[in-house]
Protein backbone atom coordinates (compact mmCIF):
# COMPACT_ATOMS: atom_id res chain seq x y z
CA MET A 1 -1.14 -0.80 -32.91
CA SER A 2 1.16 -1.90 -30.22
CA PHE A 3 -0.05 -4.44 -27.60
CA PRO A 4 -2.42 -2.57 -24.50
CA LEU A 5 0.16 -4.11 -22.02
CA LEU A 6 -1.46 -1.92 -19.03
CA THR A 7 -4.77 -2.99 -19.72
CA ALA A 8 -3.44 -6.76 -20.25
CA THR A 9 -2.26 -6.45 -16.99
CA ALA A 10 -5.53 -4.92 -15.23
CA LEU A 11 -7.64 -7.25 -16.90
CA THR A 12 -6.10 -10.60 -15.89
CA PRO A 13 -7.14 -10.34 -12.93
CA ALA A 14 -10.30 -8.64 -13.14
CA ILE A 15 -11.17 -11.88 -15.38
CA GLY A 16 -9.29 -14.12 -12.64
CA ALA A 17 -11.83 -12.98 -9.87
CA ILE A 18 -14.94 -13.71 -12.50
CA VAL A 19 -13.85 -17.05 -13.05
CA THR A 20 -12.70 -17.70 -9.80
CA ALA A 21 -15.67 -16.57 -8.59
CA ALA A 22 -18.13 -18.96 -10.75
CA VAL A 23 -16.17 -21.99 -9.60
CA PRO A 24 -18.64 -24.46 -7.64
CA SER A 25 -19.34 -24.78 -4.47
CA ALA A 26 -17.57 -27.94 -3.58
CA ARG A 27 -14.63 -26.91 -5.76
CA ARG A 28 -12.97 -24.25 -3.26
CA THR A 29 -9.61 -26.10 -4.14
CA ALA A 30 -10.22 -25.39 -7.77
CA ALA A 31 -10.94 -21.73 -7.21
CA LYS A 32 -7.87 -21.20 -5.16
CA TRP A 33 -5.05 -22.75 -7.86
CA ILE A 34 -7.70 -20.49 -10.42
CA ALA A 35 -6.78 -17.43 -8.32
CA LEU A 36 -3.29 -18.15 -8.13
CA ALA A 37 -2.64 -18.65 -11.34
CA PHE A 38 -4.11 -15.56 -12.70
CA SER A 39 -2.12 -13.88 -10.07
CA LEU A 40 0.73 -15.03 -11.61
CA VAL A 41 -0.08 -14.51 -15.28
CA THR A 42 -0.25 -10.60 -13.50
CA VAL A 43 3.03 -11.08 -12.40
CA GLY A 44 4.31 -12.09 -15.78
CA PHE A 45 2.83 -8.85 -17.51
CA ALA A 46 4.10 -6.93 -15.00
CA ALA A 47 7.48 -8.11 -15.42
CA ALA A 48 6.80 -7.07 -19.12
CA ILE A 49 5.86 -3.30 -18.23
CA VAL A 50 9.14 -3.03 -16.44
CA LEU A 51 11.12 -4.36 -19.39
CA ARG A 52 9.77 -2.73 -22.04
CA PHE A 53 9.72 0.62 -19.58
CA ASP A 54 12.76 2.74 -21.16
CA THR A 55 14.54 4.69 -18.60
CA GLY A 56 16.91 5.96 -21.02
CA ALA A 57 17.76 9.51 -20.86
CA GLY A 58 15.08 11.76 -23.46
CA ALA A 59 12.78 8.99 -22.77
CA ASP A 60 9.28 10.16 -22.72
CA ARG A 61 7.60 10.96 -19.03
CA TYR A 62 4.86 8.49 -19.63
CA GLN A 63 5.06 5.42 -21.64
CA LEU A 64 2.94 2.22 -22.95
CA THR A 65 0.21 4.80 -22.95
CA GLU A 66 -3.30 4.05 -24.55
CA SER A 67 -5.84 6.46 -25.53
CA ARG A 68 -9.13 6.02 -26.80
CA SER A 69 -12.70 7.82 -26.98
CA TRP A 70 -14.62 7.10 -24.28
CA ILE A 71 -17.78 9.60 -22.76
CA GLU A 72 -16.70 12.62 -25.40
CA ASP A 73 -19.37 14.66 -24.15
CA PHE A 74 -17.94 15.06 -20.84
CA GLY A 75 -14.21 14.92 -22.42
CA VAL A 76 -13.55 11.82 -20.26
CA ARG A 77 -11.32 9.11 -21.87
CA TYR A 78 -9.79 6.15 -21.23
CA GLU A 79 -6.16 7.17 -21.22
CA LEU A 80 -3.40 4.97 -19.50
CA GLY A 81 0.30 5.52 -19.08
CA VAL A 82 2.96 4.83 -16.62
CA ASP A 83 6.17 6.74 -15.34
CA GLY A 84 8.48 5.02 -13.04
CA ILE A 85 6.92 5.74 -10.14
CA GLY A 86 3.67 3.68 -11.23
CA VAL A 87 5.94 0.79 -13.15
CA ALA A 88 7.27 0.54 -9.34
CA MET A 89 3.94 0.51 -7.87
CA ILE A 90 2.40 -1.61 -10.70
CA ALA A 91 5.26 -4.39 -10.14
CA LEU A 92 4.85 -4.36 -5.97
CA THR A 93 1.29 -5.02 -6.44
CA ALA A 94 1.61 -7.87 -8.75
CA VAL A 95 4.20 -9.46 -6.92
CA LEU A 96 2.43 -9.12 -3.57
CA ILE A 97 -1.12 -10.64 -4.44
CA PRO A 98 0.02 -14.23 -5.08
CA PHE A 99 1.83 -13.98 -2.21
CA LEU A 100 -1.23 -12.96 -0.16
CA ILE A 101 -3.43 -15.76 -2.11
CA GLY A 102 -1.03 -18.37 -0.65
CA ALA A 103 -0.98 -17.19 2.95
CA GLY A 104 -4.60 -16.90 2.87
CA TRP A 105 -5.06 -20.47 1.45
CA ASN A 106 -7.52 -21.57 4.17
CA ASP A 107 -8.70 -17.95 5.72
CA ALA A 108 -12.08 -18.80 3.98
CA ASP A 109 -12.76 -22.27 4.21
CA PRO A 110 -16.43 -22.78 6.12
CA PRO A 111 -16.07 -23.10 9.81
CA SER A 112 -17.18 -26.74 9.55
CA LEU A 113 -13.70 -27.84 8.04
CA PRO A 114 -10.77 -27.14 10.79
CA ALA A 115 -9.47 -24.62 12.03
CA ASN A 116 -6.14 -22.86 10.96
CA GLY A 117 -3.17 -23.83 11.82
CA GLN A 118 -4.60 -27.54 13.28
CA GLU A 119 -3.54 -30.59 11.79
CA GLY A 120 -5.83 -32.22 9.67
CA PRO A 121 -7.00 -32.39 6.45
CA ARG A 122 -7.98 -28.83 4.63
CA GLU A 123 -8.68 -29.95 1.01
CA ASP A 124 -11.88 -30.69 0.14
CA GLU A 125 -11.66 -32.31 -3.64
CA GLY A 126 -14.32 -34.56 -3.81
CA ASP A 127 -16.08 -34.28 -0.68
CA ALA A 128 -19.62 -33.17 -0.53
CA PRO A 129 -20.12 -29.42 0.12
CA VAL A 130 -21.18 -28.20 3.35
CA SER A 131 -24.54 -27.29 1.98
CA ARG A 132 -25.94 -26.18 -1.61
CA ARG A 133 -25.90 -22.76 -0.55
CA TRP A 134 -22.63 -20.75 -2.33
CA ARG A 135 -19.54 -20.65 -0.04
CA PRO A 136 -17.40 -17.50 0.62
CA THR A 137 -14.07 -19.32 -0.34
CA GLN A 138 -14.35 -18.56 -3.78
CA GLY A 139 -15.51 -14.85 -3.21
CA PHE A 140 -12.41 -14.16 -1.21
CA PHE A 141 -10.31 -14.83 -3.56
CA ALA A 142 -12.65 -12.83 -6.45
CA LEU A 143 -12.62 -10.10 -4.30
CA ILE A 144 -8.80 -9.55 -4.03
CA LEU A 145 -8.23 -10.64 -7.98
CA ALA A 146 -10.82 -7.89 -7.99
CA VAL A 147 -9.02 -5.04 -6.35
CA GLU A 148 -5.60 -6.10 -8.04
CA ALA A 149 -7.29 -4.79 -11.20
CA MET A 150 -9.05 -1.92 -9.50
CA VAL A 151 -5.30 -0.77 -8.13
CA VAL A 152 -3.32 -1.30 -11.04
CA LEU A 153 -5.86 0.81 -13.14
CA SER A 154 -5.30 3.73 -10.71
CA PHE A 155 -1.58 3.09 -11.07
CA ALA A 156 -1.64 3.57 -14.57
CA ALA A 157 -4.62 6.00 -15.27
CA THR A 158 -3.77 9.47 -16.87
CA ASP A 159 -7.08 10.70 -17.26
CA ILE A 160 -8.23 12.24 -13.95
CA PHE A 161 -12.02 11.26 -14.15
CA LEU A 162 -10.82 7.39 -14.87
CA PHE A 163 -8.42 7.90 -12.02
CA TYR A 164 -11.43 8.78 -9.41
CA ILE A 165 -13.82 5.78 -10.90
CA PHE A 166 -11.09 3.17 -10.01
CA PHE A 167 -10.01 5.10 -6.73
CA GLU A 168 -13.55 4.77 -5.45
CA ALA A 169 -14.39 1.20 -7.08
CA MET A 170 -11.82 -0.66 -5.03
CA LEU A 171 -13.71 0.37 -1.51
CA ILE A 172 -16.77 -2.13 -2.39
CA PRO A 173 -14.47 -5.32 -2.48
CA MET A 174 -12.71 -4.11 0.28
CA TYR A 175 -15.66 -3.27 2.11
CA PHE A 176 -16.19 -6.92 1.73
CA LEU A 177 -13.31 -8.59 2.17
CA ILE A 178 -13.07 -6.38 6.08
CA GLY A 179 -16.19 -7.12 7.02
CA GLY A 180 -17.46 -10.53 5.36
CA PHE A 181 -14.25 -12.34 5.71
CA GLY A 182 -12.33 -11.13 9.11
CA ASP A 183 -10.08 -12.52 11.65
CA ARG A 184 -11.48 -15.22 13.30
CA ALA A 185 -9.06 -14.85 16.50
CA GLY A 186 -10.82 -12.32 18.94
CA GLU A 187 -11.70 -12.02 22.20
CA GLN A 188 -15.63 -11.38 21.75
CA GLY A 189 -16.88 -15.13 20.51
CA GLU A 190 -18.76 -14.95 17.28
CA GLU A 191 -21.26 -12.68 17.39
CA GLY A 192 -19.09 -10.17 18.69
CA GLN A 193 -16.00 -10.48 16.04
CA ALA A 194 -19.26 -10.19 13.46
CA ARG A 195 -19.48 -6.82 15.04
CA GLN A 196 -16.56 -5.49 14.96
CA ARG A 197 -15.57 -6.57 11.99
CA SER A 198 -19.08 -4.81 10.65
CA TYR A 199 -18.39 -1.49 12.37
CA ALA A 200 -14.63 -1.42 10.94
CA ALA A 201 -15.78 -1.97 7.10
CA VAL A 202 -18.38 0.94 7.95
CA LYS A 203 -15.74 2.78 9.26
CA PHE A 204 -13.26 2.18 6.23
CA LEU A 205 -15.86 2.61 3.67
CA LEU A 206 -17.64 6.44 5.29
CA TYR A 207 -14.05 7.63 5.85
CA ASN A 208 -13.08 7.01 2.14
CA LEU A 209 -16.31 7.60 0.63
CA VAL A 210 -16.50 11.21 2.57
CA GLY A 211 -12.87 11.91 0.78
CA GLY A 212 -13.78 10.73 -2.53
CA LEU A 213 -16.67 13.06 -2.60
CA VAL A 214 -14.65 15.51 -1.81
CA MET A 215 -12.43 14.95 -4.15
CA LEU A 216 -15.13 14.50 -6.78
CA ALA A 217 -15.90 18.49 -6.43
CA ALA A 218 -12.42 19.26 -6.99
CA VAL A 219 -12.05 16.84 -9.95
CA ILE A 220 -15.11 18.70 -11.65
CA GLY A 221 -13.95 22.53 -10.36
CA LEU A 222 -10.55 21.17 -12.63
CA TYR A 223 -12.73 20.30 -15.52
CA VAL A 224 -14.93 23.55 -15.15
CA ALA A 225 -11.15 25.51 -14.66
CA THR A 226 -9.97 23.98 -18.31
CA ALA A 227 -12.95 24.25 -19.98
CA ASP A 228 -12.88 27.91 -18.93
CA GLN A 229 -9.33 28.90 -20.46
CA LEU A 230 -8.96 26.26 -22.97
CA GLU A 231 -12.17 26.53 -24.68
CA VAL A 232 -12.82 22.54 -23.95
CA GLY A 233 -13.00 20.46 -20.49
CA THR A 234 -10.67 17.83 -20.19
CA PHE A 235 -9.59 15.91 -17.56
CA SER A 236 -6.00 14.23 -19.00
CA LEU A 237 -3.49 14.72 -16.76
CA GLN A 238 -0.80 14.95 -19.65
CA ALA A 239 -2.98 17.61 -21.51
CA ILE A 240 -3.27 19.75 -18.25
CA LEU A 241 0.39 19.35 -17.92
CA GLU A 242 1.40 20.57 -21.31
CA ALA A 243 -1.13 23.65 -20.67
CA ARG A 244 0.36 24.38 -17.78
CA GLY A 245 3.78 24.49 -18.71
CA SER A 246 2.83 26.39 -22.03
CA GLY A 247 1.10 29.22 -20.33
CA GLU A 248 -2.50 27.90 -21.82
CA LEU A 249 -3.84 27.15 -18.23
CA ASP A 250 -3.45 29.37 -15.44
CA LEU A 251 -5.33 28.69 -12.23
CA ALA A 252 -5.94 31.46 -9.81
CA THR A 253 -4.31 31.28 -6.57
CA SER A 254 -7.33 30.45 -4.90
CA THR A 255 -8.93 28.07 -7.00
CA GLU A 256 -5.92 26.21 -7.03
CA ARG A 257 -5.38 26.40 -3.37
CA TRP A 258 -9.06 25.03 -3.29
CA LEU A 259 -8.59 22.20 -5.84
CA PHE A 260 -5.36 20.95 -4.10
CA LEU A 261 -7.60 20.75 -0.60
CA GLY A 262 -10.09 18.89 -2.32
CA PHE A 263 -7.29 16.30 -3.82
CA PHE A 264 -5.38 15.98 -0.75
CA VAL A 265 -8.20 15.21 1.46
CA ALA A 266 -8.88 12.33 -0.49
CA PHE A 267 -5.44 11.00 -0.66
CA ALA A 268 -4.81 11.71 3.00
CA ILE A 269 -7.75 9.69 3.81
CA LYS A 270 -6.52 6.80 1.73
CA ALA A 271 -2.93 7.03 2.70
CA PRO A 272 -3.87 7.54 5.79
CA LEU A 273 -2.51 10.53 7.25
CA TRP A 274 -3.25 11.93 10.83
CA PRO A 275 -5.89 12.99 11.74
CA VAL A 276 -7.69 10.96 9.63
CA HIS A 277 -6.29 7.66 10.09
CA THR A 278 -8.52 6.05 12.46
CA TRP A 279 -10.21 3.45 10.40
CA LEU A 280 -6.94 1.97 9.62
CA PRO A 281 -6.09 0.11 13.26
CA ASN A 282 -9.92 -1.13 13.44
CA ALA A 283 -9.76 -2.29 9.51
CA MET A 284 -6.51 -4.33 9.89
CA GLY A 285 -7.01 -5.38 13.24
CA GLU A 286 -10.72 -7.08 12.13
CA SER A 287 -9.11 -8.59 9.09
CA THR A 288 -7.35 -11.40 8.14
CA ALA A 289 -3.78 -11.34 7.70
CA PRO A 290 -3.53 -11.34 3.74
CA VAL A 291 -6.41 -8.84 3.98
CA ALA A 292 -4.56 -6.60 6.08
CA VAL A 293 -1.34 -6.66 4.41
CA LEU A 294 -3.82 -5.76 1.12
CA ILE A 295 -4.73 -2.91 2.75
CA THR A 296 -1.97 -1.38 4.01
CA ALA A 297 0.93 -2.51 1.52
CA VAL A 298 -1.17 -2.01 -1.47
CA VAL A 299 -4.75 -0.15 -1.34
CA ASP A 300 -3.09 2.75 0.75
CA LYS A 301 -0.02 3.19 -1.40
CA VAL A 302 -2.56 4.33 -3.96
CA GLY A 303 -3.16 7.71 -1.50
CA THR A 304 0.69 8.31 -1.44
CA PHE A 305 1.14 8.04 -5.34
CA ALA A 306 -1.93 10.15 -5.80
CA MET A 307 -0.08 12.98 -3.97
CA LEU A 308 2.86 12.67 -6.18
CA ARG A 309 1.17 12.61 -9.70
CA PHE A 310 -1.47 14.57 -8.91
CA CYS A 311 -1.41 17.05 -6.20
CA LEU A 312 2.35 17.99 -6.84
CA GLY A 313 1.63 17.64 -10.93
CA LEU A 314 -1.56 19.72 -11.25
CA PHE A 315 -1.02 22.04 -8.53
CA PRO A 316 2.36 23.20 -7.79
CA GLU A 317 2.11 26.50 -6.32
CA ALA A 318 -0.78 25.17 -4.06
CA SER A 319 1.60 22.46 -2.99
CA GLU A 320 4.33 24.52 -1.89
CA TRP A 321 1.83 26.83 -0.06
CA ALA A 322 0.76 23.99 1.67
CA THR A 323 3.47 22.37 2.53
CA PRO A 324 4.32 23.33 6.29
CA VAL A 325 1.09 22.05 7.33
CA VAL A 326 1.50 18.40 5.39
CA ILE A 327 5.04 18.80 6.83
CA THR A 328 3.62 18.96 10.37
CA LEU A 329 1.02 16.25 9.91
CA ALA A 330 3.61 14.24 8.80
CA LEU A 331 5.53 14.41 12.15
CA VAL A 332 2.47 14.17 14.13
CA SER A 333 1.96 11.28 12.10
CA ILE A 334 5.16 9.48 12.57
CA ILE A 335 5.39 10.48 16.28
CA TYR A 336 1.94 9.50 17.30
CA GLY A 337 1.74 6.18 15.19
CA ALA A 338 4.67 4.89 17.11
CA LEU A 339 3.74 5.92 20.64
CA LEU A 340 0.61 4.11 19.73
CA ALA A 341 1.92 1.60 18.71
CA LEU A 342 4.34 0.91 21.83
CA GLY A 343 0.83 0.88 24.17
CA GLN A 344 -0.89 -1.77 21.59
CA ARG A 345 -2.29 -5.21 23.65
CA ASP A 346 -3.39 -6.55 20.23
CA MET A 347 -0.48 -7.65 17.69
CA LYS A 348 -2.06 -6.38 14.16
CA ARG A 349 -3.39 -3.46 15.69
CA LEU A 350 0.57 -2.49 16.54
CA ILE A 351 1.36 -2.84 13.16
CA ALA A 352 -1.50 -0.73 11.90
CA TYR A 353 -0.22 2.20 13.84
CA ALA A 354 3.36 1.36 12.74
CA SER A 355 2.12 1.72 9.49
CA ILE A 356 0.71 5.24 10.23
CA SER A 357 4.15 6.19 11.58
CA HIS A 358 5.55 4.99 8.21
CA PHE A 359 2.99 6.92 6.01
CA GLY A 360 4.21 9.64 8.22
CA PHE A 361 7.92 9.34 7.02
CA ILE A 362 6.57 8.81 3.05
CA VAL A 363 4.72 11.77 3.35
CA LEU A 364 7.46 13.96 4.56
CA GLY A 365 9.28 12.72 1.90
CA ILE A 366 7.04 13.84 -0.67
CA PHE A 367 6.37 17.33 0.55
CA ALA A 368 10.47 17.89 1.16
CA MET A 369 10.47 18.67 -2.39
CA THR A 370 13.80 17.29 -2.86
CA SER A 371 15.38 14.79 -5.15
CA GLN A 372 16.35 12.65 -2.25
CA GLY A 373 13.27 12.99 -0.48
CA GLN A 374 11.00 12.19 -3.36
CA GLY A 375 13.32 9.56 -4.70
CA GLY A 376 13.17 7.97 -0.84
CA ALA A 377 9.39 8.32 -0.57
CA THR A 378 8.71 6.51 -3.51
CA LEU A 379 11.34 3.72 -2.25
CA TYR A 380 9.41 3.71 0.98
CA MET A 381 6.24 3.14 -0.81
CA ILE A 382 7.79 -0.49 -2.17
CA ASN A 383 10.14 -0.98 0.89
CA HIS A 384 6.91 -1.02 3.64
CA GLY A 385 4.38 -2.82 1.03
CA ILE A 386 7.38 -5.65 1.46
CA ALA A 387 8.24 -5.55 4.74
CA THR A 388 4.66 -4.79 6.22
CA ALA A 389 3.76 -7.83 3.96
CA ALA A 390 6.79 -10.43 5.86
CA LEU A 391 5.55 -9.02 9.01
CA MET A 392 1.81 -9.31 9.19
CA LEU A 393 1.83 -12.56 7.39
CA VAL A 394 4.02 -14.02 10.01
CA ALA A 395 1.84 -12.50 12.48
CA GLY A 396 -1.02 -14.11 11.06
CA PHE A 397 0.50 -17.59 11.08
CA LEU A 398 1.15 -17.00 14.73
CA ILE A 399 -2.34 -15.87 15.46
CA SER A 400 -3.83 -18.93 13.49
CA ARG A 401 -2.29 -21.19 15.67
CA ARG A 402 -3.19 -19.74 18.88
CA GLY A 403 -6.51 -18.38 18.43
CA SER A 404 -5.25 -14.96 19.98
CA ARG A 405 -4.26 -11.60 18.66
CA LEU A 406 -3.33 -10.45 22.07
CA ILE A 407 0.36 -10.02 22.62
CA ALA A 408 0.11 -11.17 26.67
CA ASP A 409 -1.04 -14.65 25.06
CA TYR A 410 2.39 -15.17 23.62
CA GLY A 411 6.20 -16.03 24.59
CA GLY A 412 8.86 -18.25 24.54
CA VAL A 413 7.61 -19.16 20.48
CA GLN A 414 11.53 -19.23 19.50
CA LYS A 415 11.97 -22.45 21.74
CA THR A 416 8.67 -24.35 20.35
CA ALA A 417 8.97 -22.47 16.47
CA PRO A 418 11.91 -21.16 15.71
CA VAL A 419 12.00 -20.55 12.23
CA LEU A 420 8.67 -18.93 12.88
CA ALA A 421 10.30 -16.56 15.47
CA GLY A 422 13.15 -16.22 12.94
CA THR A 423 11.37 -14.65 9.89
CA PHE A 424 8.78 -12.72 12.25
CA LEU A 425 12.50 -11.21 13.49
CA ILE A 426 13.37 -10.21 10.12
CA GLY A 427 10.27 -8.78 9.30
CA GLY A 428 10.33 -6.83 12.32
CA LEU A 429 14.04 -5.51 11.93
CA GLY A 430 13.09 -4.39 8.48
CA THR A 431 10.11 -2.89 9.69
CA LEU A 432 11.81 -0.72 12.09
CA SER A 433 14.40 -0.16 8.70
CA LEU A 434 17.82 -2.16 9.82
CA PRO A 435 20.92 -1.48 7.60
CA GLY A 436 20.66 -4.12 5.10
CA THR A 437 17.29 -4.04 4.67
CA GLY A 438 14.91 -2.06 2.05
CA PRO A 439 13.18 -0.14 4.22
CA PHE A 440 17.03 1.53 5.75
CA ILE A 441 17.43 2.76 2.45
CA SER A 442 13.99 4.49 1.97
CA GLU A 443 14.11 6.36 6.00
CA PHE A 444 17.73 7.38 4.84
CA LEU A 445 16.61 9.05 1.76
CA VAL A 446 13.73 10.39 3.29
CA LEU A 447 15.76 12.15 6.07
CA VAL A 448 18.63 13.34 4.23
CA GLY A 449 16.13 15.17 1.85
CA THR A 450 14.20 16.56 4.72
CA PHE A 451 17.40 17.94 6.67
CA SER A 452 18.97 19.42 3.53
CA ARG A 453 15.54 21.56 3.13
CA TYR A 454 13.38 21.44 6.87
CA GLU A 455 16.38 20.73 9.54
CA ALA A 456 13.80 21.00 12.44
CA ALA A 457 11.41 18.51 10.66
CA GLY A 458 14.34 16.04 9.99
CA ILE A 459 15.06 16.05 13.47
CA ILE A 460 11.82 15.25 14.95
CA ALA A 461 11.41 12.16 12.59
CA CYS A 462 14.40 10.57 13.77
CA ALA A 463 12.74 10.34 16.89
CA GLY A 464 10.23 8.07 15.40
CA ILE A 465 13.15 5.83 13.93
CA VAL A 466 14.06 5.25 17.79
CA LEU A 467 10.29 4.24 18.92
CA ALA A 468 10.08 2.40 15.99
CA ALA A 469 13.05 0.54 17.28
CA LEU A 470 11.38 0.25 20.63
CA TYR A 471 7.90 -0.75 19.71
CA VAL A 472 9.36 -4.00 17.59
CA LEU A 473 12.19 -5.16 19.44
CA VAL A 474 9.61 -5.20 22.54
CA LEU A 475 6.99 -7.25 20.50
CA TYR A 476 9.48 -9.86 19.82
CA GLN A 477 10.87 -9.90 23.44
CA ARG A 478 7.45 -10.70 24.82
CA THR A 479 6.03 -13.28 22.15
CA MET A 480 9.11 -15.34 21.19
CA THR A 481 11.87 -14.95 24.44
CA GLY A 482 11.11 -15.75 28.05
CA PRO A 483 9.37 -19.12 28.92
CA VAL A 484 7.16 -20.97 26.69
CA LYS A 485 3.56 -19.64 27.79
CA PRO A 486 0.64 -22.37 28.30
CA GLY A 487 -0.51 -23.69 25.26
CA LEU A 488 2.16 -23.08 23.21
CA GLU A 489 4.55 -25.99 24.25
CA LYS A 490 3.48 -27.97 20.63
CA LEU A 491 3.37 -24.87 18.73
CA PRO A 492 3.74 -26.12 15.31
CA ASP A 493 6.90 -24.41 13.11
CA LEU A 494 5.77 -23.07 9.79
CA ARG A 495 5.05 -25.75 6.95
CA VAL A 496 6.19 -25.70 3.17
CA ARG A 497 3.06 -23.45 2.41
CA GLU A 498 3.67 -21.08 4.80
CA LEU A 499 7.65 -21.14 4.01
CA ALA A 500 7.27 -20.69 0.41
CA VAL A 501 5.01 -17.29 1.27
CA VAL A 502 7.46 -15.89 3.48
CA ALA A 503 11.26 -16.84 2.39
CA PRO A 504 10.71 -15.05 -0.77
CA LEU A 505 9.40 -11.76 0.70
CA ILE A 506 12.09 -12.19 3.30
CA ALA A 507 14.46 -12.46 0.24
CA LEU A 508 13.16 -9.48 -1.71
CA LEU A 509 13.90 -7.42 1.55
CA ILE A 510 17.28 -7.86 1.92
CA PHE A 511 18.02 -7.78 -1.42
CA LEU A 512 16.50 -4.24 -2.01
CA GLY A 513 18.96 -3.28 0.90
CA VAL A 514 22.02 -4.32 -0.64
CA TYR A 515 21.28 -3.22 -3.99
CA PRO A 516 18.20 -0.94 -4.50
CA ARG A 517 20.12 0.15 -8.17
CA PRO A 518 17.10 -1.56 -10.04
CA LEU A 519 14.44 0.59 -8.00
CA THR A 520 16.72 3.85 -8.26
CA ASP A 521 17.10 3.33 -11.77
CA ILE A 522 13.66 3.35 -12.67
CA VAL A 523 12.63 5.53 -9.81
CA ASN A 524 14.99 8.70 -9.94
CA PRO A 525 14.00 10.23 -13.68
CA ALA A 526 9.96 10.57 -12.46
CA VAL A 527 11.22 12.19 -9.63
CA GLU A 528 13.02 14.87 -11.83
CA HIS A 529 10.02 15.30 -13.93
CA THR A 530 8.04 15.83 -10.53
CA LEU A 531 10.55 18.07 -9.24
CA SER A 532 10.29 20.03 -12.22
CA ASP A 533 6.44 20.38 -12.19
CA VAL A 534 6.20 21.69 -8.75
CA ASP A 535 9.22 23.88 -9.78
CA GLN A 536 11.92 23.02 -6.98
CA THR A 537 15.71 22.08 -7.38
CA ASP A 538 17.72 20.25 -4.43
CA PRO A 539 19.05 23.25 -2.20
CA ALA A 540 22.72 23.95 -2.49
CA PRO A 541 25.02 22.61 0.09
CA HIS A 542 25.86 24.89 2.73
CA LEU A 543 30.21 25.04 2.99
CA GLU A 544 31.53 27.15 5.44
CA GLU A 545 34.66 28.75 4.58
CA VAL A 546 37.61 28.27 6.47
CA GLU A 547 40.77 30.41 6.57
CA ALA A 548 44.37 28.80 6.10
CA GLY A 549 45.45 27.80 9.05
CA GLN A 550 42.59 27.99 11.02
């Protein structure tokens, strides 16, 4: 029996979460190092997945598969398997988590310790605990590892019910990360901040729970439909795809459309897509920077990934039927998110609204139903994760120094902290998809794929590029240039730990912008399978015949 690599990749952070949470309260630093160690081991397993995945012609669609009986009476199995898109998303998740742990090294320390960004000792080895009560530091890192485990299983699950379990279960640790470990920078004081964090966490939970309940009804409906036509109900994605391909399973048009809507609503909320996006600015604004990155760069990607794997794979006719509406929603997200980003006073909420605009591009690429569009959308998921991580983490370092998220409280930072300002600029340029950075390739492919089938949608989406340049460059101009604002004269530059977090992300951002082939080689075969599921091919180019001599 082959080594269960996918299970090991998910089990490592799960065990790490338990071990980290069990560390005594007086050993906060030990808990941090344990969490980092488990996250690095997970990176090793993710690298093994990438190396073992076969991208050659004729290779199986789903590889590294595992299948074991679980709840036989209901047809539920523990089934895992990855295509190229799943491999890329697992790799993104595994790579980002160590950087988030490093960036949040001091974020959950008790308030009695020195505040973030201030000079002075932060480590507490050998010190007496502040109280005998269990301190949240261990919980913070344990919850991050727990989210990682559930996200990896979501990307690997090929049993629909198994996917649903982890799709919903990740809400629990995320709720506590948002509500219990929020940003300490705010205008309302400690009590007001606590209320805002609680509001953001509850809003996040309610939105996603509603979407999950709708999806659960659709999952049960799909099981009933398969039981009706295949004699035995199944949640197996591969079995359903094979039955549809052979003609054994033929869903009625109305049934397929209702089931599609049940899945799509849940994924649109998770992504998020306009108009079910309003939980994201609250959640990101009230979270610490690493948790904000975890939300938008990792957790939200489960939504767009699931659109490719489940909506298009299970319900091809309904996906084609819904395409005009979904593309309209994506375009609204692109423009609306960018316009709201332009008007923000809060730095973190600006990045949140920018992410809503970017998710619009991702969904647009998915439902353009072209190889360029879907390939670009997949690359966008990865490159957006890296670019947003770089920008948000540097913004978090800046906010921790000043103690304010308001853009108006900053100015002239490049004179006192030039390295911080430089990394902030590169992260911002990646966010606006500057040529030479990874997001540029992604956005270009999405637009090419959209133009080839929906020219008007492509033209409207281009407005998002202009608006992105505005909100990013205006943000940089207001915070980093001009005279130094009072209170920032002695602002410290990035420290070694912070540089160690940001520098690799920037290097990866530029590398994938110059040489994206390692990603495209993995992703493109999976995109071809997805297009085959919906029975779509790329539109033939329209060439006008020109008479000789004209």
